[in-house]
C-alpha atoms as a PDB file:
ATOM      1  CA  MET A   1     -18.724   3.891  15.403  1.00  0.00           C
ATOM      2  CA  ARG A   2     -16.186   4.864  18.556  1.00  0.00           C
ATOM      3  CA  ALA A   3     -13.865   7.240  18.139  1.00  0.00           C
ATOM      4  CA  ASP A   4     -10.816   5.052  18.392  1.00  0.00           C
ATOM      5  CA  ALA A   5     -12.676   2.265  16.374  1.00  0.00           C
ATOM      6  CA  ARG A   6     -13.070   5.446  13.840  1.00  0.00           C
ATOM      7  CA  ARG A   7      -9.573   6.446  13.723  1.00  0.00           C
ATOM      8  CA  ASN A   8      -8.487   2.627  13.234  1.00  0.00           C
ATOM      9  CA  TYR A   9     -10.770   2.456  10.150  1.00  0.00           C
ATOM     10  CA  GLU A  10      -9.327   5.557   8.521  1.00  0.00           C
ATOM     11  CA  ARG A  11      -5.740   5.059   9.608  1.00  0.00           C
ATOM     12  CA  ILE A  12      -6.749   1.725   7.884  1.00  0.00           C
ATOM     13  CA  ILE A  13      -8.227   3.243   4.857  1.00  0.00           C
ATOM     14  CA  SER A  14      -5.434   5.672   4.533  1.00  0.00           C
ATOM     15  CA  VAL A  15      -2.651   2.611   4.576  1.00  0.00           C
ATOM     16  CA  ALA A  16      -4.687   0.523   2.214  1.00  0.00           C
ATOM     17  CA  ARG A  17      -4.583   3.225  -0.382  1.00  0.00           C
ATOM     18  CA  GLU A  18      -0.698   3.619   0.083  1.00  0.00           C
ATOM     19  CA  ALA A  19      -0.435  -0.111  -0.208  1.00  0.00           C
ATOM     20  CA  PHE A  20      -2.753  -0.560  -3.092  1.00  0.00           C
ATOM     21  CA  ALA A  21      -0.735   2.293  -5.105  1.00  0.00           C
ATOM     22  CA  GLU A  22       2.774   0.637  -4.511  1.00  0.00           C
ATOM     23  CA  HIS A  23       1.326  -3.152  -4.725  1.00  0.00           C
ATOM     24  CA  GLY A  24      -1.610  -3.252  -6.446  1.00  0.00           C
ATOM     25  CA  PRO A  25      -4.954  -4.861  -4.848  1.00  0.00           C
ATOM     26  CA  GLU A  26      -3.007  -7.750  -3.933  1.00  0.00           C
ATOM     27  CA  ALA A  27      -0.939  -6.200  -1.268  1.00  0.00           C
ATOM     28  CA  PRO A  28      -1.099  -8.303   1.857  1.00  0.00           C
ATOM     29  CA  LEU A  29      -3.289  -7.662   4.018  1.00  0.00           C
ATOM     30  CA  ASP A  30      -1.443  -8.530   6.929  1.00  0.00           C
ATOM     31  CA  ASP A  31       1.295  -5.825   5.972  1.00  0.00           C
ATOM     32  CA  ILE A  32      -1.533  -3.193   5.668  1.00  0.00           C
ATOM     33  CA  ALA A  33      -2.550  -4.248   9.585  1.00  0.00           C
ATOM     34  CA  ARG A  34       1.073  -4.000  10.748  1.00  0.00           C
ATOM     35  CA  ARG A  35       1.538  -0.414   8.825  1.00  0.00           C
ATOM     36  CA  ALA A  36      -1.666   0.916   9.954  1.00  0.00           C
ATOM     37  CA  CYS A  37      -0.689  -0.271  13.523  1.00  0.00           C
ATOM     38  CA  VAL A  38      -3.591  -2.659  13.942  1.00  0.00           C
ATOM     39  CA  GLY A  39      -4.115  -6.310  14.393  1.00  0.00           C
ATOM     40  CA  PRO A  40      -5.460  -8.460  11.695  1.00  0.00           C
ATOM     41  CA  GLY A  41      -8.438  -8.973  13.662  1.00  0.00           C
ATOM     42  CA  THR A  42      -9.228  -5.263  13.748  1.00  0.00           C
ATOM     43  CA  LEU A  43      -8.757  -4.975   9.951  1.00  0.00           C
ATOM     44  CA  TYR A  44     -11.270  -8.149   9.499  1.00  0.00           C
ATOM     45  CA  ARG A  45     -13.593  -6.613  11.770  1.00  0.00           C
ATOM     46  CA  HIS A  46     -14.287  -3.768   9.586  1.00  0.00           C
ATOM     47  CA  PHE A  47     -13.115  -4.977   6.111  1.00  0.00           C
ATOM     48  CA  PRO A  48     -14.353  -8.898   6.205  1.00  0.00           C
ATOM     49  CA  ASN A  49     -12.387  -9.472   2.797  1.00  0.00           C
ATOM     50  CA  ARG A  50     -10.045  -7.988   0.183  1.00  0.00           C
ATOM     51  CA  GLU A  51     -12.947  -6.312  -1.394  1.00  0.00           C
ATOM     52  CA  ALA A  52     -14.469  -4.683   1.232  1.00  0.00           C
ATOM     53  CA  LEU A  53     -11.246  -2.984   1.660  1.00  0.00           C
ATOM     54  CA  ILE A  54     -10.877  -1.984  -1.901  1.00  0.00           C
ATOM     55  CA  GLU A  55     -14.563  -0.477  -2.063  1.00  0.00           C
ATOM     56  CA  ALA A  56     -13.561   1.222   0.800  1.00  0.00           C
ATOM     57  CA  VAL A  57     -10.639   3.143  -0.519  1.00  0.00           C
ATOM     58  CA  TYR A  58     -12.285   3.682  -3.507  1.00  0.00           C
ATOM     59  CA  ARG A  59     -15.525   4.989  -1.766  1.00  0.00           C
ATOM     60  CA  ALA A  60     -13.388   7.241   0.425  1.00  0.00           C
ATOM     61  CA  ASP A  61     -11.682   8.932  -2.304  1.00  0.00           C
ATOM     62  CA  ILE A  62     -15.174   9.319  -4.728  1.00  0.00           C
ATOM     63  CA  GLU A  63     -16.752  11.048  -1.085  1.00  0.00           C
ATOM     64  CA  ARG A  64     -13.826  13.224  -0.887  1.00  0.00           C
ATOM     65  CA  LEU A  65     -14.058  14.431  -4.547  1.00  0.00           C
ATOM     66  CA  SER A  66     -18.139  14.467  -4.265  1.00  0.00           C
ATOM     67  CA  GLY A  67     -18.201  16.530  -1.027  1.00  0.00           C
ATOM     68  CA  LEU A  68     -15.720  19.128  -2.593  1.00  0.00           C
ATOM     69  CA  ALA A  69     -18.374  19.946  -5.178  1.00  0.00           C
ATOM     70  CA  ARG A  70     -20.368  21.295  -2.038  1.00  0.00           C
ATOM     71  CA  GLU A  71     -17.801  22.917  -0.446  1.00  0.00           C
ATOM     72  CA  LEU A  72     -16.580  24.913  -3.197  1.00  0.00           C
ATOM     73  CA  MET A  73     -20.333  26.010  -4.127  1.00  0.00           C
ATOM     74  CA  GLU A  74     -20.143  27.470  -0.147  1.00  0.00           C
ATOM     75  CA  THR A  75     -17.373  29.743  -0.886  1.00  0.00           C
ATOM     76  CA  HIS A  76     -16.616  30.074  -4.409  1.00  0.00           C
ATOM     77  CA  SER A  77     -19.059  31.900  -7.431  1.00  0.00           C
ATOM     78  CA  PRO A  78     -20.657  29.040  -9.620  1.00  0.00           C
ATOM     79  CA  GLY A  79     -18.083  29.569 -12.300  1.00  0.00           C
ATOM     80  CA  ASP A  80     -14.993  29.294 -10.090  1.00  0.00           C
ATOM     81  CA  ALA A  81     -16.160  26.307  -8.102  1.00  0.00           C
ATOM     82  CA  LEU A  82     -16.500  24.264 -11.222  1.00  0.00           C
ATOM     83  CA  ALA A  83     -13.544  25.300 -12.546  1.00  0.00           C
ATOM     84  CA  GLU A  84     -11.676  24.248  -9.001  1.00  0.00           C
ATOM     85  CA  TRP A  85     -13.829  20.968  -9.280  1.00  0.00           C
ATOM     86  CA  MET A  86     -12.905  20.310 -12.340  1.00  0.00           C
ATOM     87  CA  ARG A  87      -9.053  21.088 -11.479  1.00  0.00           C
ATOM     88  CA  SER A  88      -9.496  18.832  -8.783  1.00  0.00           C
ATOM     89  CA  GLN A  89     -10.691  15.679 -10.403  1.00  0.00           C
ATOM     90  CA  ILE A  90      -7.703  16.479 -13.096  1.00  0.00           C
ATOM     91  CA  ASP A  91      -5.611  16.331 -10.350  1.00  0.00           C
ATOM     92  CA  PHE A  92      -7.116  13.450  -8.615  1.00  0.00           C
ATOM     93  CA  ALA A  93      -7.283  11.521 -11.485  1.00  0.00           C
ATOM     94  CA  THR A  94      -3.786  12.255 -12.766  1.00  0.00           C
ATOM     95  CA  ARG A  95      -2.331  11.204  -9.395  1.00  0.00           C
ATOM     96  CA  LYS A  96      -4.349   8.152  -8.537  1.00  0.00           C
ATOM     97  CA  ARG A  97      -4.777   7.315 -12.162  1.00  0.00           C
ATOM     98  CA  GLY A  98      -3.326   3.855 -11.900  1.00  0.00           C
ATOM     99  CA  LEU A  99      -4.692   3.368  -8.210  1.00  0.00           C
ATOM    100  CA  ALA A 100      -8.018   4.249  -9.077  1.00  0.00           C
ATOM    101  CA  ALA A 101      -8.015   2.012 -12.540  1.00  0.00           C
ATOM    102  CA  THR A 102      -6.852  -0.983 -10.255  1.00  0.00           C
ATOM    103  CA  LEU A 103      -9.331  -0.420  -7.473  1.00  0.00           C
ATOM    104  CA  LYS A 104     -12.098  -0.163 -10.256  1.00  0.00           C
ATOM    105  CA  ALA A 105     -10.948  -3.068 -12.345  1.00  0.00           C
ATOM    106  CA  ALA A 106     -10.573  -5.309  -8.450  1.00  0.00           C
ATOM    107  CA  MET A 107     -14.427  -4.296  -7.769  1.00  0.00           C
ATOM    108  CA  ASP A 108     -17.364  -5.954  -9.176  1.00  0.00           C
ATOM    109  CA  ARG A 109     -18.834  -3.551 -11.287  1.00  0.00           C
ATOM    110  CA  ASP A 110     -22.522  -4.522 -10.535  1.00  0.00           C
ATOM    111  CA  SER A 111     -21.331  -3.788  -6.653  1.00  0.00           C
ATOM    112  CA  GLU A 112     -23.370  -1.474  -4.288  1.00  0.00           C
ATOM    113  CA  THR A 113     -20.396   0.452  -3.882  1.00  0.00           C
ATOM    114  CA  PHE A 114     -19.846   1.138  -7.626  1.00  0.00           C
ATOM    115  CA  ALA A 115     -23.281   2.229  -8.161  1.00  0.00           C
ATOM    116  CA  LEU A 116     -23.232   4.818  -5.284  1.00  0.00           C
ATOM    117  CA  CYS A 117     -19.660   5.822  -6.379  1.00  0.00           C
ATOM    118  CA  LYS A 118     -21.343   6.742  -9.777  1.00  0.00           C
ATOM    119  CA  VAL A 119     -24.056   8.516  -8.286  1.00  0.00           C
ATOM    120  CA  MET A 120     -22.141  10.545  -6.028  1.00  0.00           C
ATOM    121  CA  ILE A 121     -19.632  11.677  -9.371  1.00  0.00           C
ATOM    122  CA  ASN A 122     -23.059  12.695 -10.795  1.00  0.00           C
ATOM    123  CA  ASP A 123     -24.660  14.268  -8.405  1.00  0.00           C
ATOM    124  CA  ALA A 124     -21.561  16.802  -7.656  1.00  0.00           C
ATOM    125  CA  VAL A 125     -21.153  17.621 -11.502  1.00  0.00           C
ATOM    126  CA  ARG A 126     -24.770  18.351 -11.948  1.00  0.00           C
ATOM    127  CA  LEU A 127     -24.515  20.385  -8.638  1.00  0.00           C
ATOM    128  CA  LEU A 128     -22.216  22.635 -10.345  1.00  0.00           C
ATOM    129  CA  VAL A 129     -23.289  22.520 -14.006  1.00  0.00           C
ATOM    130  CA  ASN A 130     -26.515  23.371 -12.830  1.00  0.00           C
ATOM    131  CA  ALA A 131     -25.271  26.230 -10.740  1.00  0.00           C
ATOM    132  CA  ALA A 132     -22.874  27.656 -13.430  1.00  0.00           C
ATOM    133  CA  GLN A 133     -25.779  27.964 -16.173  1.00  0.00           C
ATOM    134  CA  GLU A 134     -28.144  29.190 -13.598  1.00  0.00           C
ATOM    135  CA  ALA A 135     -25.465  31.895 -13.015  1.00  0.00           C
ATOM    136  CA  GLY A 136     -25.148  32.540 -17.133  1.00  0.00           C
ATOM    137  CA  VAL A 137     -21.113  31.584 -16.755  1.00  0.00           C
ATOM    138  CA  ILE A 138     -21.694  28.332 -19.023  1.00  0.00           C
ATOM    139  CA  ARG A 139     -23.561  27.300 -21.896  1.00  0.00           C
ATOM    140  CA  ASP A 140     -26.960  26.014 -21.202  1.00  0.00           C
ATOM    141  CA  ASP A 141     -25.957  22.869 -24.089  1.00  0.00           C
ATOM    142  CA  VAL A 142     -23.430  21.362 -21.656  1.00  0.00           C
ATOM    143  CA  GLU A 143     -24.608  18.226 -20.026  1.00  0.00           C
ATOM    144  CA  PRO A 144     -22.775  17.093 -16.579  1.00  0.00           C
ATOM    145  CA  ARG A 145     -21.656  13.940 -18.442  1.00  0.00           C
ATOM    146  CA  ASP A 146     -19.571  16.169 -20.908  1.00  0.00           C
ATOM    147  CA  LEU A 147     -17.838  17.555 -17.967  1.00  0.00           C
ATOM    148  CA  LEU A 148     -16.828  14.246 -17.060  1.00  0.00           C
ATOM    149  CA  LEU A 149     -15.972  13.100 -20.329  1.00  0.00           C
ATOM    150  CA  MET A 150     -13.853  16.460 -20.864  1.00  0.00           C
ATOM    151  CA  THR A 151     -12.092  16.069 -17.685  1.00  0.00           C
ATOM    152  CA  HIS A 152     -11.271  12.394 -18.732  1.00  0.00           C
ATOM    153  CA  GLY A 153     -10.054  13.309 -21.508  1.00  0.00           C
ATOM    154  CA  ILE A 154      -7.575  16.094 -20.203  1.00  0.00           C
ATOM    155  CA  VAL A 155      -5.947  13.518 -17.709  1.00  0.00           C
ATOM    156  CA  VAL A 156      -5.484  11.288 -21.026  1.00  0.00           C
ATOM    157  CA  ALA A 157      -4.513  13.884 -23.351  1.00  0.00           C
ATOM    158  CA  SER A 158      -1.784  14.997 -20.646  1.00  0.00           C
ATOM    159  CA  GLU A 159      -0.330  11.672 -19.524  1.00  0.00           C
ATOM    160  CA  ALA A 160       2.933  12.480 -21.320  1.00  0.00           C
ATOM    161  CA  THR A 161       2.765  15.969 -20.815  1.00  0.00           C
ATOM    162  CA  PRO A 162       1.409  16.877 -17.537  1.00  0.00           C
ATOM    163  CA  GLY A 163       2.249  20.486 -17.556  1.00  0.00           C
ATOM    164  CA  ALA A 164      -0.523  20.709 -20.673  1.00  0.00           C
ATOM    165  CA  ALA A 165      -3.529  19.603 -18.114  1.00  0.00           C
ATOM    166  CA  GLU A 166      -3.893  23.190 -16.849  1.00  0.00           C
ATOM    167  CA  ARG A 167      -3.638  24.757 -20.134  1.00  0.00           C
ATOM    168  CA  LEU A 168      -6.175  22.368 -21.825  1.00  0.00           C
ATOM    169  CA  LEU A 169      -8.511  22.903 -18.819  1.00  0.00           C
ATOM    170  CA  THR A 170      -8.239  26.882 -19.485  1.00  0.00           C
ATOM    171  CA  VAL A 171      -9.283  25.910 -23.042  1.00  0.00           C
ATOM    172  CA  VAL A 172     -12.164  23.770 -22.136  1.00  0.00           C
ATOM    173  CA  LEU A 173     -13.148  26.146 -19.458  1.00  0.00           C
ATOM    174  CA  ASP A 174     -13.520  29.177 -22.388  1.00  0.00           C
ATOM    175  CA  GLY A 175     -15.113  26.765 -24.510  1.00  0.00           C
ATOM    176  CA  LEU A 176     -17.981  26.286 -21.874  1.00  0.00           C
ATOM    177  CA  ARG A 177     -18.673  29.954 -21.650  1.00  0.00           C
ATOM    178  CA  PRO A 178     -21.694  31.163 -23.427  1.00  0.00           C
ATOM    179  CA  GLN A 179     -20.888  32.672 -26.747  1.00  0.00           C
ATOM    180  CA  PRO A 180     -21.946  36.597 -27.508  1.00  0.00           C
ATOM    181  CA  ARG A 181     -25.026  36.664 -29.899  1.00  0.00           C
END
């Protein structure tokens, strides 16, 4: 993709994310194009229909969160990388809770994008769990899916009390540590 086309694509995704957060998946595509400073033709060249745009926004968010796992592995110890990624996932899910649920509901569960996003998140958490287990900083019986369920639980449990998320995460992280024999 040419540099200008790439910039347009990224600007459309960014504006669409905001528009979907404000108005749901039925946000007018012409308004998205106008706010992104592109013509409707440019939007439709990149995204032939609403579902393609919804999927692109969701995929971009999941790619960012999944890529963060690899970045953290390069700059943090395995335990700290895992904790920071869980914190980022909770923050993402808390801030984007309505948007992510709306986008997921508007997407076909059998779509290639949905399947790809599931693989990306599972691969990211598996990378972190395996590294933390190899380093001996989390229990050997922890499954990657356990962490996804726990972070989801923290998001749901702290909806009414936003400050509780960090405290609940601390309790979860303490519980993941190997117990002395």
